[in-house]
Amino acid sequence: MKFTKYFLASRNRLDRSIIKTEWIQFVIDHPIREAVQADKRIRRWAKIPEMNNKILRVILLDDAETVHNAFFDRSFRD
């Protein structure tokens, strides 16, 4: 898995430091939803059972493998 410098810097935030790499990989491999942004970045969402089914959003660069951002998405609606 590849990461942008932005992602690596954001992992120091308390709310982001709890996000496990295996959860990010799970979202990449098993999204419940996917959307492509205007800048061609790819957004993927999945429920994380270990976090009471909170929704983790992962944003990938347009290569579909480099992680740019990951956070629990409180505004996600089914």
Protein backbone atom coordinates (compact mmCIF):
# COMPACT_ATOMS: atom_id res chain seq x y z
CA MET A 1 0.00 0.00 0.00
CA LYS A 2 1.31 3.45 -0.93
CA PHE A 3 0.60 6.70 0.92
CA THR A 4 0.85 10.40 0.08
CA LYS A 5 2.91 12.70 2.30
CA TYR A 6 -0.36 14.39 3.27
CA PHE A 7 -1.77 11.10 4.57
CA LEU A 8 1.37 10.28 6.53
CA ALA A 9 1.32 13.72 8.17
CA SER A 10 -2.39 13.47 9.00
CA ARG A 11 -1.87 10.15 10.83
CA ASN A 12 -0.40 12.13 13.72
CA ARG A 13 -3.83 13.57 14.54
CA LEU A 14 -5.51 11.85 17.49
CA ASP A 15 -8.69 11.11 15.55
CA ARG A 16 -6.69 9.54 12.71
CA SER A 17 -4.05 7.67 14.70
CA ILE A 18 -6.58 4.99 15.74
CA ILE A 19 -7.22 3.97 12.12
CA LYS A 20 -5.49 0.68 11.45
CA THR A 21 -3.79 -0.03 8.13
CA GLU A 22 -5.73 -3.28 7.80
CA TRP A 23 -9.00 -1.32 8.03
CA ILE A 24 -7.84 0.92 5.19
CA GLN A 25 -7.02 -2.15 3.10
CA PHE A 26 -10.44 -3.60 3.91
CA VAL A 27 -12.16 -0.44 2.63
CA ILE A 28 -10.07 -0.51 -0.55
CA ASP A 29 -10.91 -4.17 -1.19
CA HIS A 30 -14.55 -4.27 0.01
CA PRO A 31 -16.24 -0.87 -0.38
CA ILE A 32 -19.97 -0.55 0.16
CA ARG A 33 -19.89 2.58 -1.99
CA GLU A 34 -17.45 4.21 -4.39
CA ALA A 35 -17.44 7.65 -6.02
CA VAL A 36 -15.00 9.44 -8.30
CA GLN A 37 -14.37 13.09 -7.50
CA ALA A 38 -13.95 15.82 -10.13
CA ASP A 39 -10.17 15.65 -9.58
CA LYS A 40 -10.35 11.89 -10.35
CA ARG A 41 -9.57 10.86 -6.77
CA ILE A 42 -11.56 7.84 -5.68
CA ARG A 43 -13.66 7.77 -2.52
CA ARG A 44 -14.52 4.40 -0.97
CA TRP A 45 -16.53 3.64 2.15
CA ALA A 46 -16.96 0.53 4.31
CA LYS A 47 -18.23 -0.39 7.77
CA ILE A 48 -15.58 -1.30 10.33
CA PRO A 49 -17.04 -3.91 12.73
CA GLU A 50 -14.31 -3.37 15.35
CA MET A 51 -15.44 0.27 15.62
CA ASN A 52 -19.16 -0.48 16.11
CA ASN A 53 -19.74 -0.41 12.35
CA LYS A 54 -18.59 3.17 11.95
CA ILE A 55 -18.04 4.10 8.32
CA LEU A 56 -14.44 4.59 7.23
CA ARG A 57 -13.91 6.73 4.13
CA VAL A 58 -10.68 6.20 2.20
CA ILE A 59 -9.63 8.57 -0.55
CA LEU A 60 -7.26 7.20 -3.17
CA LEU A 61 -5.36 9.00 -5.88
CA ASP A 62 -6.45 8.32 -9.45
CA ASP A 63 -4.03 5.35 -9.60
CA ALA A 64 -6.52 3.56 -7.28
CA GLU A 65 -3.74 2.38 -4.96
CA THR A 66 -2.18 5.42 -3.25
CA VAL A 67 -4.00 6.43 -0.06
CA HIS A 68 -4.44 10.19 0.24
CA ASN A 69 -6.82 10.34 3.22
CA ALA A 70 -8.76 8.10 5.61
CA PHE A 71 -11.23 9.11 8.29
CA PHE A 72 -14.45 8.02 9.97
CA ASP A 73 -17.23 9.65 7.99
CA ARG A 74 -19.94 10.88 10.36
CA SER A 75 -21.99 12.30 7.48
CA PHE A 76 -22.30 9.03 5.49
CA ARG A 77 -25.90 8.00 4.76
CA ASP A 78 -27.00 4.69 3.26
